[in-house]
Amino acid sequence: MIKDISIDTHLKSLFPTSAPQNSASNTGFADMLADAVSQTNQAQLDADKAAVALQTGKAENLHEVMLSMEEADISMRLLVQMRNKALDAYQEIMRMQV
């Protein structure tokens, strides 16, 4: 089974859209960031398991292992870019004069 690992699909999986909710139950940026970190960690763990399965001969297809590893790589790159943008925004706010 081949999984789609496009950027668009990955972003949608990180931030699933749901039915509109009232403002009291909306999650904040910190919750979304924590969820992204958790999903990135899970992708890394899945890639590690796939690599171990390949080394032990339990993996059925090499391309599925490679897709899992690429998904983990893309997820990590996305998370690093999110961190960089958040840090840039913070630094810009700190440079503002009151």
N, C-alpha and C. Protein backbone atom coordinates (compact mmCIF):
# COMPACT_ATOMS: atom_id res chain seq x y z
N MET A 1 0.85 -1.18 0.00
CA MET A 1 0.00 0.00 0.00
C MET A 1 0.89 1.24 0.00
N ILE A 2 0.76 2.09 -0.99
CA ILE A 2 1.56 3.30 -1.11
C ILE A 2 0.79 4.46 -0.50
N LYS A 3 1.48 5.19 0.38
CA LYS A 3 0.86 6.34 1.02
C LYS A 3 1.25 7.61 0.28
N ASP A 4 0.32 8.54 0.21
CA ASP A 4 0.58 9.84 -0.40
C ASP A 4 1.35 10.68 0.61
N ILE A 5 2.54 11.19 0.21
CA ILE A 5 3.35 11.98 1.14
C ILE A 5 3.57 13.39 0.61
N SER A 6 2.62 13.91 -0.13
CA SER A 6 2.77 15.27 -0.62
C SER A 6 2.66 16.25 0.54
N ILE A 7 3.19 17.43 0.32
CA ILE A 7 3.16 18.47 1.36
C ILE A 7 1.72 18.81 1.73
N ASP A 8 0.86 18.93 0.74
CA ASP A 8 -0.54 19.27 1.00
C ASP A 8 -1.21 18.22 1.88
N THR A 9 -1.00 16.96 1.56
CA THR A 9 -1.58 15.89 2.35
C THR A 9 -1.01 15.87 3.76
N HIS A 10 0.28 16.12 3.87
CA HIS A 10 0.90 16.11 5.19
C HIS A 10 0.38 17.26 6.06
N LEU A 11 0.24 18.44 5.46
CA LEU A 11 -0.29 19.57 6.22
C LEU A 11 -1.73 19.30 6.66
N LYS A 12 -2.51 18.69 5.77
CA LYS A 12 -3.89 18.36 6.14
C LYS A 12 -3.94 17.33 7.26
N SER A 13 -2.97 16.40 7.28
CA SER A 13 -2.96 15.40 8.35
C SER A 13 -2.52 16.02 9.67
N LEU A 14 -1.66 17.04 9.61
CA LEU A 14 -1.23 17.71 10.84
C LEU A 14 -2.34 18.56 11.44
N PHE A 15 -3.11 19.21 10.57
CA PHE A 15 -4.16 20.11 11.03
C PHE A 15 -5.48 19.72 10.39
N PRO A 16 -6.10 18.65 10.88
CA PRO A 16 -7.35 18.21 10.27
C PRO A 16 -8.45 19.25 10.47
N THR A 17 -9.24 19.44 9.43
CA THR A 17 -10.36 20.37 9.54
C THR A 17 -11.55 19.62 10.12
N SER A 18 -12.28 20.30 10.94
CA SER A 18 -13.45 19.70 11.56
C SER A 18 -14.60 20.67 11.47
N ALA A 19 -15.72 20.24 11.97
CA ALA A 19 -16.90 21.10 11.95
C ALA A 19 -16.64 22.34 12.79
N PRO A 20 -17.21 23.47 12.40
CA PRO A 20 -16.99 24.69 13.19
C PRO A 20 -17.44 24.49 14.63
N GLN A 21 -16.60 24.95 15.54
CA GLN A 21 -16.90 24.83 16.96
C GLN A 21 -16.98 26.22 17.55
N ASN A 22 -17.51 26.29 18.75
CA ASN A 22 -17.55 27.60 19.39
C ASN A 22 -16.15 27.98 19.83
N SER A 23 -15.92 29.26 20.08
CA SER A 23 -14.57 29.75 20.36
C SER A 23 -14.01 29.21 21.68
N ALA A 24 -14.84 28.77 22.61
CA ALA A 24 -14.35 28.28 23.89
C ALA A 24 -13.66 26.93 23.75
N SER A 25 -14.06 26.13 22.75
CA SER A 25 -13.46 24.80 22.63
C SER A 25 -12.40 24.74 21.53
N ASN A 26 -12.08 25.84 20.87
CA ASN A 26 -11.03 25.84 19.86
C ASN A 26 -9.68 25.64 20.52
N THR A 27 -8.82 24.91 19.83
CA THR A 27 -7.48 24.71 20.37
C THR A 27 -6.61 25.88 20.00
N GLY A 28 -5.65 26.17 20.81
CA GLY A 28 -4.76 27.28 20.57
C GLY A 28 -3.54 26.86 19.78
N PHE A 29 -2.67 27.82 19.55
CA PHE A 29 -1.46 27.58 18.79
C PHE A 29 -0.56 26.57 19.51
N ALA A 30 -0.48 26.67 20.82
CA ALA A 30 0.36 25.74 21.58
C ALA A 30 -0.13 24.31 21.43
N ASP A 31 -1.44 24.12 21.44
CA ASP A 31 -1.98 22.77 21.26
C ASP A 31 -1.70 22.24 19.86
N MET A 32 -1.83 23.10 18.86
CA MET A 32 -1.55 22.68 17.49
C MET A 32 -0.08 22.35 17.33
N LEU A 33 0.79 23.13 17.94
CA LEU A 33 2.23 22.88 17.86
C LEU A 33 2.59 21.58 18.58
N ALA A 34 2.00 21.35 19.74
CA ALA A 34 2.25 20.11 20.48
C ALA A 34 1.78 18.90 19.68
N ASP A 35 0.65 19.05 19.00
CA ASP A 35 0.14 17.97 18.16
C ASP A 35 1.08 17.70 16.98
N ALA A 36 1.61 18.76 16.38
CA ALA A 36 2.54 18.60 15.26
C ALA A 36 3.81 17.91 15.72
N VAL A 37 4.31 18.26 16.91
CA VAL A 37 5.51 17.61 17.46
C VAL A 37 5.22 16.13 17.71
N SER A 38 4.06 15.86 18.27
CA SER A 38 3.68 14.47 18.55
C SER A 38 3.59 13.65 17.26
N GLN A 39 2.97 14.21 16.24
CA GLN A 39 2.83 13.48 14.98
C GLN A 39 4.18 13.31 14.29
N THR A 40 5.05 14.29 14.40
CA THR A 40 6.39 14.17 13.82
C THR A 40 7.16 13.08 14.55
N ASN A 41 7.05 13.05 15.86
CA ASN A 41 7.71 12.01 16.64
C ASN A 41 7.19 10.63 16.23
N GLN A 42 5.89 10.51 16.04
CA GLN A 42 5.31 9.22 15.65
C GLN A 42 5.80 8.81 14.27
N ALA A 43 5.92 9.77 13.35
CA ALA A 43 6.44 9.46 12.02
C ALA A 43 7.88 8.98 12.09
N GLN A 44 8.68 9.59 12.97
CA GLN A 44 10.07 9.17 13.17
C GLN A 44 10.12 7.75 13.75
N LEU A 45 9.27 7.47 14.72
CA LEU A 45 9.24 6.12 15.31
C LEU A 45 8.80 5.08 14.29
N ASP A 46 7.81 5.41 13.46
CA ASP A 46 7.36 4.49 12.42
C ASP A 46 8.47 4.22 11.41
N ALA A 47 9.22 5.25 11.05
CA ALA A 47 10.34 5.08 10.12
C ALA A 47 11.41 4.20 10.73
N ASP A 48 11.68 4.38 12.02
CA ASP A 48 12.67 3.54 12.70
C ASP A 48 12.22 2.08 12.72
N LYS A 49 10.95 1.85 12.99
CA LYS A 49 10.42 0.48 13.00
C LYS A 49 10.52 -0.14 11.62
N ALA A 50 10.22 0.64 10.59
CA ALA A 50 10.31 0.13 9.22
C ALA A 50 11.75 -0.20 8.86
N ALA A 51 12.70 0.61 9.29
CA ALA A 51 14.11 0.35 9.01
C ALA A 51 14.57 -0.92 9.72
N VAL A 52 14.14 -1.10 10.95
CA VAL A 52 14.50 -2.31 11.69
C VAL A 52 13.88 -3.53 11.02
N ALA A 53 12.64 -3.40 10.58
CA ALA A 53 11.98 -4.50 9.89
C ALA A 53 12.72 -4.85 8.60
N LEU A 54 13.22 -3.85 7.91
CA LEU A 54 13.98 -4.10 6.68
C LEU A 54 15.29 -4.82 7.01
N GLN A 55 15.95 -4.40 8.07
CA GLN A 55 17.23 -5.02 8.44
C GLN A 55 17.06 -6.46 8.90
N THR A 56 15.94 -6.76 9.52
CA THR A 56 15.71 -8.12 10.01
C THR A 56 15.04 -9.00 8.97
N GLY A 57 14.70 -8.43 7.82
CA GLY A 57 14.08 -9.22 6.76
C GLY A 57 12.58 -9.37 6.89
N LYS A 58 11.97 -8.63 7.81
CA LYS A 58 10.53 -8.73 8.01
C LYS A 58 9.75 -7.79 7.11
N ALA A 59 10.41 -6.80 6.51
CA ALA A 59 9.73 -5.84 5.64
C ALA A 59 9.41 -6.52 4.30
N GLU A 60 8.22 -6.27 3.81
CA GLU A 60 7.80 -6.88 2.55
C GLU A 60 8.33 -6.10 1.35
N ASN A 61 8.30 -4.78 1.44
CA ASN A 61 8.67 -3.97 0.29
C ASN A 61 9.64 -2.87 0.71
N LEU A 62 10.70 -2.73 -0.04
CA LEU A 62 11.68 -1.69 0.22
C LEU A 62 11.07 -0.31 0.01
N HIS A 63 10.21 -0.17 -1.00
CA HIS A 63 9.66 1.16 -1.28
C HIS A 63 8.76 1.66 -0.15
N GLU A 64 8.09 0.77 0.57
CA GLU A 64 7.28 1.21 1.70
C GLU A 64 8.16 1.73 2.83
N VAL A 65 9.30 1.09 3.02
CA VAL A 65 10.25 1.56 4.03
C VAL A 65 10.77 2.93 3.64
N MET A 66 11.13 3.09 2.38
CA MET A 66 11.64 4.37 1.90
C MET A 66 10.57 5.47 2.01
N LEU A 67 9.33 5.14 1.70
CA LEU A 67 8.25 6.12 1.83
C LEU A 67 8.06 6.53 3.28
N SER A 68 8.15 5.58 4.17
CA SER A 68 8.02 5.89 5.60
C SER A 68 9.14 6.81 6.06
N MET A 69 10.34 6.54 5.59
CA MET A 69 11.48 7.38 5.96
C MET A 69 11.36 8.77 5.36
N GLU A 70 10.89 8.88 4.14
CA GLU A 70 10.71 10.18 3.51
C GLU A 70 9.59 10.97 4.19
N GLU A 71 8.54 10.29 4.59
CA GLU A 71 7.46 10.96 5.32
C GLU A 71 7.98 11.54 6.63
N ALA A 72 8.80 10.77 7.33
CA ALA A 72 9.39 11.26 8.57
C ALA A 72 10.31 12.45 8.30
N ASP A 73 11.06 12.40 7.21
CA ASP A 73 11.96 13.50 6.86
C ASP A 73 11.18 14.76 6.53
N ILE A 74 10.13 14.63 5.75
CA ILE A 74 9.31 15.79 5.38
C ILE A 74 8.64 16.36 6.63
N SER A 75 8.17 15.49 7.49
CA SER A 75 7.53 15.94 8.72
C SER A 75 8.51 16.73 9.60
N MET A 76 9.74 16.23 9.69
CA MET A 76 10.75 16.93 10.49
C MET A 76 11.11 18.28 9.87
N ARG A 77 11.26 18.31 8.55
CA ARG A 77 11.57 19.57 7.88
C ARG A 77 10.45 20.60 8.08
N LEU A 78 9.20 20.13 8.00
CA LEU A 78 8.07 21.02 8.22
C LEU A 78 8.07 21.56 9.64
N LEU A 79 8.35 20.70 10.60
CA LEU A 79 8.38 21.13 12.00
C LEU A 79 9.50 22.14 12.25
N VAL A 80 10.65 21.92 11.64
CA VAL A 80 11.76 22.86 11.79
C VAL A 80 11.39 24.22 11.19
N GLN A 81 10.73 24.21 10.04
CA GLN A 81 10.32 25.47 9.43
C GLN A 81 9.26 26.18 10.27
N MET A 82 8.36 25.42 10.88
CA MET A 82 7.37 26.02 11.78
C MET A 82 8.08 26.67 12.96
N ARG A 83 9.08 26.00 13.50
CA ARG A 83 9.85 26.56 14.61
C ARG A 83 10.56 27.84 14.19
N ASN A 84 11.17 27.81 13.00
CA ASN A 84 11.88 28.98 12.51
C ASN A 84 10.94 30.18 12.33
N LYS A 85 9.76 29.93 11.78
CA LYS A 85 8.80 31.02 11.57
C LYS A 85 8.29 31.57 12.91
N ALA A 86 8.04 30.68 13.86
CA ALA A 86 7.59 31.14 15.18
C ALA A 86 8.68 31.95 15.87
N LEU A 87 9.91 31.52 15.74
CA LEU A 87 11.03 32.24 16.34
C LEU A 87 11.22 33.60 15.66
N ASP A 88 11.09 33.65 14.34
CA ASP A 88 11.18 34.92 13.63
C ASP A 88 10.08 35.89 14.07
N ALA A 89 8.87 35.36 14.23
CA ALA A 89 7.76 36.19 14.68
C ALA A 89 8.01 36.73 16.09
N TYR A 90 8.51 35.88 16.96
CA TYR A 90 8.83 36.30 18.32
C TYR A 90 9.89 37.40 18.32
N GLN A 91 10.93 37.21 17.52
CA GLN A 91 12.00 38.20 17.47
C GLN A 91 11.49 39.53 16.89
N GLU A 92 10.61 39.45 15.93
CA GLU A 92 10.03 40.67 15.36
C GLU A 92 9.19 41.40 16.40
N ILE A 93 8.44 40.67 17.18
CA ILE A 93 7.62 41.28 18.25
C ILE A 93 8.53 41.93 19.28
N MET A 94 9.63 41.27 19.60
CA MET A 94 10.54 41.82 20.62
C MET A 94 11.25 43.09 20.11
N ARG A 95 11.39 43.24 18.80
CA ARG A 95 12.03 44.42 18.25
C ARG A 95 11.06 45.62 18.14
N MET A 96 9.77 45.37 18.30
CA MET A 96 8.78 46.44 18.19
C MET A 96 8.97 47.44 19.34
N GLN A 97 8.80 48.70 19.01
CA GLN A 97 8.86 49.72 20.04
C GLN A 97 7.46 50.02 20.53
N VAL A 98 7.36 50.19 21.81
CA VAL A 98 6.05 50.41 22.42
C VAL A 98 5.71 51.87 22.47
